[in-house]
């Protein structure tokens, strides 16, 4: 289902949003880099918290943008991406609160979204 969502996203977004997608890709890449450092175990507590809060803030921005009626994506696609975003936020919180230690899932979903932009 997620792959279809990403393909639908790619087909709907037009060239006028090219620069915005580039910024989104850069922001996601930075988050992925931070998450990969966590996965490798190369971090202190402050880096852990900052990295997870970065990913959480980024997805909160995406969710807010997708929630606006002016967003040009179809309602179903917006709802699907919002659902993914809510999962990312919850998972980042679980990692930060040490209720999970599986960073790989966050890395993979962020890569999928970035690569679909």
Protein backbone atom coordinates (compact mmCIF):
# COMPACT_ATOMS: atom_id res chain seq x y z
CA UNK A 1 0.00 0.00 0.00
CA UNK A 2 2.78 2.46 0.88
CA UNK A 3 4.48 1.99 -2.49
CA UNK A 4 1.23 2.86 -4.26
CA UNK A 5 0.95 5.96 -2.08
CA UNK A 6 4.42 7.13 -3.09
CA UNK A 7 3.76 6.44 -6.76
CA UNK A 8 0.51 8.40 -6.54
CA UNK A 9 2.36 11.26 -4.86
CA UNK A 10 4.91 11.35 -7.67
CA UNK A 11 2.20 11.40 -10.34
CA UNK A 12 0.23 14.25 -8.75
CA UNK A 13 3.04 16.66 -7.89
CA UNK A 14 3.87 18.92 -10.84
CA UNK A 15 6.94 20.90 -11.86
CA UNK A 16 5.80 24.07 -10.07
CA UNK A 17 6.61 22.36 -6.78
CA UNK A 18 10.07 21.25 -7.89
CA UNK A 19 11.97 23.61 -5.57
CA UNK A 20 9.75 22.77 -2.59
CA UNK A 21 10.29 19.05 -3.20
CA UNK A 22 14.03 19.69 -3.33
CA UNK A 23 13.91 21.37 0.08
CA UNK A 24 11.81 18.52 1.44
CA UNK A 25 14.33 15.98 0.07
CA UNK A 26 17.19 17.89 1.74
CA UNK A 27 15.36 18.04 5.06
CA UNK A 28 14.56 14.32 4.91
CA UNK A 29 18.18 13.52 3.96
CA UNK A 30 19.43 15.41 7.01
CA UNK A 31 17.01 13.47 9.20
CA UNK A 32 18.12 10.19 7.63
CA UNK A 33 21.78 11.06 8.24
CA UNK A 34 21.00 11.77 11.90
CA UNK A 35 19.04 8.53 12.26
CA UNK A 36 21.83 6.52 10.62
CA UNK A 37 24.29 7.90 13.20
CA UNK A 38 21.95 6.69 15.92
CA UNK A 39 21.72 3.28 14.29
CA UNK A 40 25.54 3.01 14.22
CA UNK A 41 25.64 3.91 17.92
CA UNK A 42 27.71 7.05 17.29
CA UNK A 43 25.87 9.50 19.52
CA UNK A 44 25.54 10.96 22.96
CA UNK A 45 22.28 11.46 24.78
CA UNK A 46 21.98 15.06 23.56
CA UNK A 47 22.51 13.96 19.94
CA UNK A 48 19.90 11.22 20.36
CA UNK A 49 17.30 13.67 21.64
CA UNK A 50 18.13 16.36 19.05
CA UNK A 51 18.03 13.88 16.16
CA UNK A 52 14.69 12.42 17.15
CA UNK A 53 13.19 15.85 17.83
CA UNK A 54 14.41 17.00 14.39
CA UNK A 55 12.60 14.10 12.69
CA UNK A 56 9.52 14.72 14.82
CA UNK A 57 9.44 18.47 13.99
CA UNK A 58 9.98 17.79 10.29
CA UNK A 59 7.05 15.40 10.12
CA UNK A 60 4.89 17.74 12.17
CA UNK A 61 5.50 20.40 9.50
CA UNK A 62 4.62 17.91 6.74
CA UNK A 63 1.42 16.89 8.55
CA UNK A 64 0.39 20.52 9.05
CA UNK A 65 1.00 21.27 5.36
CA UNK A 66 -0.98 18.21 4.27
CA UNK A 67 -3.85 19.21 6.58
CA UNK A 68 -4.43 22.54 4.82
CA UNK A 69 -7.33 22.56 2.36
CA UNK A 70 -5.10 24.45 -0.12
CA UNK A 71 -2.79 21.46 -0.40
CA UNK A 72 -3.17 20.22 -3.97
CA UNK A 73 -2.85 16.50 -3.32
CA UNK A 74 -5.95 14.30 -3.48
CA UNK A 75 -7.68 13.77 -0.12
CA UNK A 76 -6.95 10.02 0.02
CA UNK A 77 -3.26 10.50 -0.68
CA UNK A 78 -3.02 13.31 1.88
CA UNK A 79 -4.72 11.10 4.47
CA UNK A 80 -2.31 8.22 3.72
CA UNK A 81 0.77 10.42 4.08
CA UNK A 82 -0.62 12.01 7.25
CA UNK A 83 -1.09 8.50 8.69
CA UNK A 84 2.54 7.68 7.85
CA UNK A 85 3.62 10.96 9.44
CA UNK A 86 1.70 10.25 12.64
CA UNK A 87 3.41 6.86 12.85
CA UNK A 88 6.84 8.52 12.37
CA UNK A 89 6.12 11.03 15.15
CA UNK A 90 4.97 8.27 17.53
CA UNK A 91 7.94 6.06 16.70
CA UNK A 92 10.40 8.92 17.23
CA UNK A 93 8.79 9.52 20.63
CA UNK A 94 9.05 5.80 21.48
CA UNK A 95 12.75 5.83 20.63
CA UNK A 96 13.37 9.01 22.61
CA UNK A 97 11.56 7.55 25.61
CA UNK A 98 13.56 4.29 25.23
CA UNK A 99 10.39 2.23 24.63
CA UNK A 100 11.95 1.08 21.34
CA UNK A 101 15.45 0.75 19.94
CA UNK A 102 14.64 0.00 16.28
CA UNK A 103 15.84 3.04 14.34
CA UNK A 104 15.88 1.13 11.04
CA UNK A 105 12.13 1.41 10.47
CA UNK A 106 12.32 5.20 10.76
CA UNK A 107 15.27 5.30 8.38
CA UNK A 108 13.47 3.14 5.82
CA UNK A 109 10.20 5.12 5.82
CA UNK A 110 12.07 8.43 5.56
CA UNK A 111 14.09 7.07 2.62
CA UNK A 112 10.94 5.87 0.87
CA UNK A 113 9.29 9.26 1.25
CA UNK A 114 12.44 11.17 0.22
CA UNK A 115 12.96 9.00 -2.84
CA UNK A 116 9.32 9.50 -3.88
CA UNK A 117 9.71 13.30 -3.96
